[in-house]
């Protein structure tokens, strides 16, 4: 059995049928700047809330841990040079310190990546609001597919067909809506 045969929802749907319904929904959001702004603010708040604890304090703690391991390493090497510990003990302690350093570096990189992601979301929010939400409805409706795709990317849009045959839109605004009715899509998909 192929992977497609095992899927309850394996039909494909024509983009020329589905995309206009998705764009109608998205452009409706863009034509309502207050709703768009609130949705984007909520999304950014969810991202901030996803950062456990205080990221600045956490980054400072990991940076201190990294500096501490450097100091311990130097002290251990001095102890070995003075003959206070043998080289096998030194090697074992240095391996443990290196693991701690690797963990600290990974955590610092993870925190930095989350900060960058949040900054990107804030830039995307500003771009959406400045560039698209301020457009007159006629200009918004006339956007070419490439510009629509840019909007979809800024919203981190995902469109899924649910098992009840409704299109579900999710992304930067969370799970926001069913875009079209089951009956309409079923009729359209029979021609796909």
C-alpha atoms as a PDB file:
ATOM      1  CA  UNK A   1       0.000   0.000   0.000  1.00  0.00           C
ATOM      2  CA  UNK A   2       1.463   3.360  -0.948  1.00  0.00           C
ATOM      3  CA  UNK A   3       1.477   6.285   1.429  1.00  0.00           C
ATOM      4  CA  UNK A   4      -1.273   8.064  -0.518  1.00  0.00           C
ATOM      5  CA  UNK A   5      -3.548   5.015  -0.439  1.00  0.00           C
ATOM      6  CA  UNK A   6      -3.402   5.030   3.373  1.00  0.00           C
ATOM      7  CA  UNK A   7      -4.509   8.654   3.643  1.00  0.00           C
ATOM      8  CA  UNK A   8      -8.197   9.316   4.281  1.00  0.00           C
ATOM      9  CA  UNK A   9      -7.864  12.716   2.676  1.00  0.00           C
ATOM     10  CA  UNK A  10      -5.616  11.958  -0.287  1.00  0.00           C
ATOM     11  CA  UNK A  11      -7.334  13.999  -3.002  1.00  0.00           C
ATOM     12  CA  UNK A  12      -5.517  16.983  -4.375  1.00  0.00           C
ATOM     13  CA  UNK A  13      -7.326  20.185  -5.086  1.00  0.00           C
ATOM     14  CA  UNK A  14      -6.795  22.636  -7.858  1.00  0.00           C
ATOM     15  CA  UNK A  15      -4.972  25.753  -6.776  1.00  0.00           C
ATOM     16  CA  UNK A  16      -7.083  27.874  -9.122  1.00  0.00           C
ATOM     17  CA  UNK A  17     -10.149  26.782  -7.124  1.00  0.00           C
ATOM     18  CA  UNK A  18      -8.709  26.866  -3.598  1.00  0.00           C
ATOM     19  CA  UNK A  19      -6.409  29.908  -3.728  1.00  0.00           C
ATOM     20  CA  UNK A  20      -9.105  32.517  -4.522  1.00  0.00           C
ATOM     21  CA  UNK A  21     -11.030  31.421  -1.424  1.00  0.00           C
ATOM     22  CA  UNK A  22      -7.891  31.634   0.695  1.00  0.00           C
ATOM     23  CA  UNK A  23      -7.038  35.050  -0.758  1.00  0.00           C
ATOM     24  CA  UNK A  24     -10.585  36.269  -0.106  1.00  0.00           C
ATOM     25  CA  UNK A  25     -10.145  35.342   3.546  1.00  0.00           C
ATOM     26  CA  UNK A  26      -6.625  36.830   3.848  1.00  0.00           C
ATOM     27  CA  UNK A  27      -7.515  40.041   2.022  1.00  0.00           C
ATOM     28  CA  UNK A  28     -10.529  40.328   4.330  1.00  0.00           C
ATOM     29  CA  UNK A  29      -8.097  40.348   7.247  1.00  0.00           C
ATOM     30  CA  UNK A  30      -5.920  42.936   5.539  1.00  0.00           C
ATOM     31  CA  UNK A  31      -8.962  45.123   4.882  1.00  0.00           C
ATOM     32  CA  UNK A  32      -9.657  45.140   8.622  1.00  0.00           C
ATOM     33  CA  UNK A  33      -6.411  46.601  10.052  1.00  0.00           C
ATOM     34  CA  UNK A  34      -7.670  46.552  13.646  1.00  0.00           C
ATOM     35  CA  UNK A  35      -8.407  42.826  13.492  1.00  0.00           C
ATOM     36  CA  UNK A  36      -5.108  42.168  11.722  1.00  0.00           C
ATOM     37  CA  UNK A  37      -3.134  44.204  14.253  1.00  0.00           C
ATOM     38  CA  UNK A  38      -4.837  42.491  17.184  1.00  0.00           C
ATOM     39  CA  UNK A  39      -4.229  39.056  15.672  1.00  0.00           C
ATOM     40  CA  UNK A  40      -0.568  39.813  15.035  1.00  0.00           C
ATOM     41  CA  UNK A  41      -0.117  41.229  18.539  1.00  0.00           C
ATOM     42  CA  UNK A  42      -1.711  38.088  19.999  1.00  0.00           C
ATOM     43  CA  UNK A  43       0.622  35.920  17.919  1.00  0.00           C
ATOM     44  CA  UNK A  44       3.699  37.838  19.102  1.00  0.00           C
ATOM     45  CA  UNK A  45       2.479  37.595  22.696  1.00  0.00           C
ATOM     46  CA  UNK A  46       2.115  33.800  22.288  1.00  0.00           C
ATOM     47  CA  UNK A  47       5.693  33.651  21.017  1.00  0.00           C
ATOM     48  CA  UNK A  48       6.970  35.748  23.923  1.00  0.00           C
ATOM     49  CA  UNK A  49       5.032  33.601  26.367  1.00  0.00           C
ATOM     50  CA  UNK A  50       6.672  30.561  24.764  1.00  0.00           C
ATOM     51  CA  UNK A  51      10.044  31.801  25.959  1.00  0.00           C
ATOM     52  CA  UNK A  52      10.308  30.149  29.315  1.00  0.00           C
ATOM     53  CA  UNK A  53      11.255  32.511  32.108  1.00  0.00           C
ATOM     54  CA  UNK A  54      13.272  35.653  31.462  1.00  0.00           C
ATOM     55  CA  UNK A  55      15.398  35.112  28.322  1.00  0.00           C
ATOM     56  CA  UNK A  56      17.860  37.869  29.233  1.00  0.00           C
ATOM     57  CA  UNK A  57      18.431  36.455  32.699  1.00  0.00           C
ATOM     58  CA  UNK A  58      18.707  32.945  31.266  1.00  0.00           C
ATOM     59  CA  UNK A  59      21.243  34.087  28.647  1.00  0.00           C
ATOM     60  CA  UNK A  60      23.267  35.843  31.358  1.00  0.00           C
ATOM     61  CA  UNK A  61      23.273  32.671  33.484  1.00  0.00           C
ATOM     62  CA  UNK A  62      24.472  30.537  30.544  1.00  0.00           C
ATOM     63  CA  UNK A  63      27.162  33.096  29.674  1.00  0.00           C
ATOM     64  CA  UNK A  64      28.336  33.030  33.307  1.00  0.00           C
ATOM     65  CA  UNK A  65      28.363  29.209  33.206  1.00  0.00           C
ATOM     66  CA  UNK A  66      30.523  29.359  30.089  1.00  0.00           C
ATOM     67  CA  UNK A  67      32.976  31.786  31.737  1.00  0.00           C
ATOM     68  CA  UNK A  68      33.016  29.627  34.879  1.00  0.00           C
ATOM     69  CA  UNK A  69      33.985  26.529  32.877  1.00  0.00           C
ATOM     70  CA  UNK A  70      36.886  28.448  31.332  1.00  0.00           C
ATOM     71  CA  UNK A  71      38.130  29.406  34.803  1.00  0.00           C
ATOM     72  CA  UNK A  72      37.750  25.834  36.115  1.00  0.00           C
ATOM     73  CA  UNK A  73      39.631  24.505  33.110  1.00  0.00           C
ATOM     74  CA  UNK A  74      42.546  26.859  33.799  1.00  0.00           C
ATOM     75  CA  UNK A  75      42.587  25.892  37.517  1.00  0.00           C
ATOM     76  CA  UNK A  76      42.552  22.169  36.673  1.00  0.00           C
ATOM     77  CA  UNK A  77      45.449  22.612  34.279  1.00  0.00           C
ATOM     78  CA  UNK A  78      47.384  24.487  36.979  1.00  0.00           C
ATOM     79  CA  UNK A  79      46.652  21.674  39.456  1.00  0.00           C
ATOM     80  CA  UNK A  80      47.932  19.098  36.973  1.00  0.00           C
ATOM     81  CA  UNK A  81      51.062  21.164  36.322  1.00  0.00           C
ATOM     82  CA  UNK A  82      51.755  21.262  40.066  1.00  0.00           C
ATOM     83  CA  UNK A  83      51.148  17.520  40.361  1.00  0.00           C
ATOM     84  CA  UNK A  84      48.085  17.885  42.577  1.00  0.00           C
ATOM     85  CA  UNK A  85      46.019  15.699  40.207  1.00  0.00           C
ATOM     86  CA  UNK A  86      47.170  13.148  37.669  1.00  0.00           C
ATOM     87  CA  UNK A  87      46.504  13.384  33.947  1.00  0.00           C
ATOM     88  CA  UNK A  88      43.748  10.758  33.994  1.00  0.00           C
ATOM     89  CA  UNK A  89      41.823  12.788  36.575  1.00  0.00           C
ATOM     90  CA  UNK A  90      42.500  15.936  34.566  1.00  0.00           C
ATOM     91  CA  UNK A  91      41.251  14.308  31.366  1.00  0.00           C
ATOM     92  CA  UNK A  92      38.025  13.109  33.046  1.00  0.00           C
ATOM     93  CA  UNK A  93      37.316  16.522  34.574  1.00  0.00           C
ATOM     94  CA  UNK A  94      38.054  18.310  31.284  1.00  0.00           C
ATOM     95  CA  UNK A  95      35.608  16.030  29.431  1.00  0.00           C
ATOM     96  CA  UNK A  96      32.885  16.920  31.955  1.00  0.00           C
ATOM     97  CA  UNK A  97      33.685  20.616  31.613  1.00  0.00           C
ATOM     98  CA  UNK A  98      33.563  20.375  27.825  1.00  0.00           C
ATOM     99  CA  UNK A  99      30.084  18.847  28.040  1.00  0.00           C
ATOM    100  CA  UNK A 100      28.984  21.747  30.227  1.00  0.00           C
ATOM    101  CA  UNK A 101      30.493  24.241  27.762  1.00  0.00           C
ATOM    102  CA  UNK A 102      28.717  22.563  24.840  1.00  0.00           C
ATOM    103  CA  UNK A 103      25.408  22.701  26.690  1.00  0.00           C
ATOM    104  CA  UNK A 104      25.913  26.393  27.525  1.00  0.00           C
ATOM    105  CA  UNK A 105      26.759  27.207  23.900  1.00  0.00           C
ATOM    106  CA  UNK A 106      23.714  25.319  22.616  1.00  0.00           C
ATOM    107  CA  UNK A 107      21.413  27.067  25.069  1.00  0.00           C
ATOM    108  CA  UNK A 108      22.831  30.480  24.182  1.00  0.00           C
ATOM    109  CA  UNK A 109      22.347  29.705  20.480  1.00  0.00           C
ATOM    110  CA  UNK A 110      18.777  28.517  21.141  1.00  0.00           C
ATOM    111  CA  UNK A 111      17.950  31.702  23.038  1.00  0.00           C
ATOM    112  CA  UNK A 112      19.460  33.850  20.297  1.00  0.00           C
ATOM    113  CA  UNK A 113      17.481  31.980  17.636  1.00  0.00           C
ATOM    114  CA  UNK A 114      14.244  32.577  19.567  1.00  0.00           C
ATOM    115  CA  UNK A 115      15.061  36.276  19.895  1.00  0.00           C
ATOM    116  CA  UNK A 116      15.740  36.490  16.166  1.00  0.00           C
ATOM    117  CA  UNK A 117      12.477  34.664  15.413  1.00  0.00           C
ATOM    118  CA  UNK A 118      10.546  37.083  17.601  1.00  0.00           C
ATOM    119  CA  UNK A 119      12.244  40.080  15.960  1.00  0.00           C
ATOM    120  CA  UNK A 120      11.361  38.628  12.536  1.00  0.00           C
ATOM    121  CA  UNK A 121       7.730  38.246  13.569  1.00  0.00           C
ATOM    122  CA  UNK A 122       7.664  41.857  14.724  1.00  0.00           C
ATOM    123  CA  UNK A 123       9.209  43.009  11.415  1.00  0.00           C
ATOM    124  CA  UNK A 124       6.687  40.904   9.488  1.00  0.00           C
ATOM    125  CA  UNK A 125       3.868  42.432  11.532  1.00  0.00           C
ATOM    126  CA  UNK A 126       5.092  45.922  10.737  1.00  0.00           C
ATOM    127  CA  UNK A 127       5.483  45.076   7.038  1.00  0.00           C
ATOM    128  CA  UNK A 128       1.984  43.632   6.819  1.00  0.00           C
ATOM    129  CA  UNK A 129       0.440  46.597   8.543  1.00  0.00           C
ATOM    130  CA  UNK A 130       2.440  49.276   6.702  1.00  0.00           C
ATOM    131  CA  UNK A 131       2.504  47.796   3.232  1.00  0.00           C
ATOM    132  CA  UNK A 132      -0.667  45.786   2.847  1.00  0.00           C
ATOM    133  CA  UNK A 133      -3.215  46.748   5.482  1.00  0.00           C
ATOM    134  CA  UNK A 134      -3.027  50.373   4.380  1.00  0.00           C
ATOM    135  CA  UNK A 135      -3.871  49.561   0.765  1.00  0.00           C
ATOM    136  CA  UNK A 136      -7.202  50.554  -0.630  1.00  0.00           C
ATOM    137  CA  UNK A 137      -9.374  47.469  -1.145  1.00  0.00           C
ATOM    138  CA  UNK A 138      -9.171  47.700  -4.946  1.00  0.00           C
ATOM    139  CA  UNK A 139      -5.362  47.662  -4.905  1.00  0.00           C
ATOM    140  CA  UNK A 140      -5.363  44.759  -2.491  1.00  0.00           C
ATOM    141  CA  UNK A 141      -7.730  42.793  -4.703  1.00  0.00           C
ATOM    142  CA  UNK A 142      -5.465  43.455  -7.702  1.00  0.00           C
ATOM    143  CA  UNK A 143      -2.297  42.021  -6.112  1.00  0.00           C
ATOM    144  CA  UNK A 144      -0.451  39.663  -8.438  1.00  0.00           C
ATOM    145  CA  UNK A 145       0.167  36.063  -7.267  1.00  0.00           C
ATOM    146  CA  UNK A 146       3.807  36.808  -6.332  1.00  0.00           C
ATOM    147  CA  UNK A 147       2.719  39.595  -3.972  1.00  0.00           C
ATOM    148  CA  UNK A 148      -0.019  37.385  -2.536  1.00  0.00           C
ATOM    149  CA  UNK A 149       2.591  34.703  -1.915  1.00  0.00           C
ATOM    150  CA  UNK A 150       4.687  37.264  -0.020  1.00  0.00           C
ATOM    151  CA  UNK A 151       1.675  38.033   2.193  1.00  0.00           C
ATOM    152  CA  UNK A 152       1.128  34.316   2.774  1.00  0.00           C
ATOM    153  CA  UNK A 153       4.775  33.956   3.801  1.00  0.00           C
ATOM    154  CA  UNK A 154       4.603  36.939   6.145  1.00  0.00           C
ATOM    155  CA  UNK A 155       1.561  35.365   7.789  1.00  0.00           C
ATOM    156  CA  UNK A 156       3.322  31.972   7.829  1.00  0.00           C
ATOM    157  CA  UNK A 157       0.091  30.726   6.314  1.00  0.00           C
ATOM    158  CA  UNK A 158      -0.831  27.042   6.173  1.00  0.00           C
ATOM    159  CA  UNK A 159      -3.952  25.784   4.515  1.00  0.00           C
ATOM    160  CA  UNK A 160      -5.184  22.276   5.239  1.00  0.00           C
ATOM    161  CA  UNK A 161      -8.159  20.347   4.069  1.00  0.00           C
ATOM    162  CA  UNK A 162      -9.881  18.822   7.070  1.00  0.00           C
ATOM    163  CA  UNK A 163     -11.509  15.414   6.961  1.00  0.00           C
ATOM    164  CA  UNK A 164     -14.907  17.154   6.836  1.00  0.00           C
ATOM    165  CA  UNK A 165     -13.653  18.774   3.587  1.00  0.00           C
ATOM    166  CA  UNK A 166     -13.391  22.356   4.916  1.00  0.00           C
ATOM    167  CA  UNK A 167     -10.299  24.434   4.250  1.00  0.00           C
ATOM    168  CA  UNK A 168      -8.638  25.469   7.494  1.00  0.00           C
ATOM    169  CA  UNK A 169      -6.222  28.389   7.597  1.00  0.00           C
ATOM    170  CA  UNK A 170      -3.580  28.678  10.285  1.00  0.00           C
ATOM    171  CA  UNK A 171      -0.313  30.511  10.726  1.00  0.00           C
ATOM    172  CA  UNK A 172       0.845  33.677  12.411  1.00  0.00           C
ATOM    173  CA  UNK A 173      -2.678  34.417  13.529  1.00  0.00           C
ATOM    174  CA  UNK A 174      -3.203  30.955  14.983  1.00  0.00           C
ATOM    175  CA  UNK A 175      -6.042  28.726  13.824  1.00  0.00           C
ATOM    176  CA  UNK A 176      -8.165  31.485  12.430  1.00  0.00           C
ATOM    177  CA  UNK A 177     -10.945  30.162  10.276  1.00  0.00           C
ATOM    178  CA  UNK A 178     -12.620  27.749   7.990  1.00  0.00           C
ATOM    179  CA  UNK A 179     -12.295  29.477   4.649  1.00  0.00           C
ATOM    180  CA  UNK A 180     -14.975  27.786   2.612  1.00  0.00           C
ATOM    181  CA  UNK A 181     -17.896  25.547   3.171  1.00  0.00           C
ATOM    182  CA  UNK A 182     -17.707  21.809   2.741  1.00  0.00           C
ATOM    183  CA  UNK A 183     -20.367  21.753   0.052  1.00  0.00           C
ATOM    184  CA  UNK A 184     -18.559  24.328  -2.113  1.00  0.00           C
ATOM    185  CA  UNK A 185     -15.226  22.538  -1.861  1.00  0.00           C
ATOM    186  CA  UNK A 186     -16.725  19.109  -2.507  1.00  0.00           C
ATOM    187  CA  UNK A 187     -18.332  20.394  -5.679  1.00  0.00           C
ATOM    188  CA  UNK A 188     -15.044  22.033  -6.756  1.00  0.00           C
ATOM    189  CA  UNK A 189     -12.925  18.986  -5.927  1.00  0.00           C
ATOM    190  CA  UNK A 190     -14.991  16.719  -8.131  1.00  0.00           C
ATOM    191  CA  UNK A 191     -13.661  18.688 -11.116  1.00  0.00           C
ATOM    192  CA  UNK A 192     -10.052  18.551  -9.859  1.00  0.00           C
END
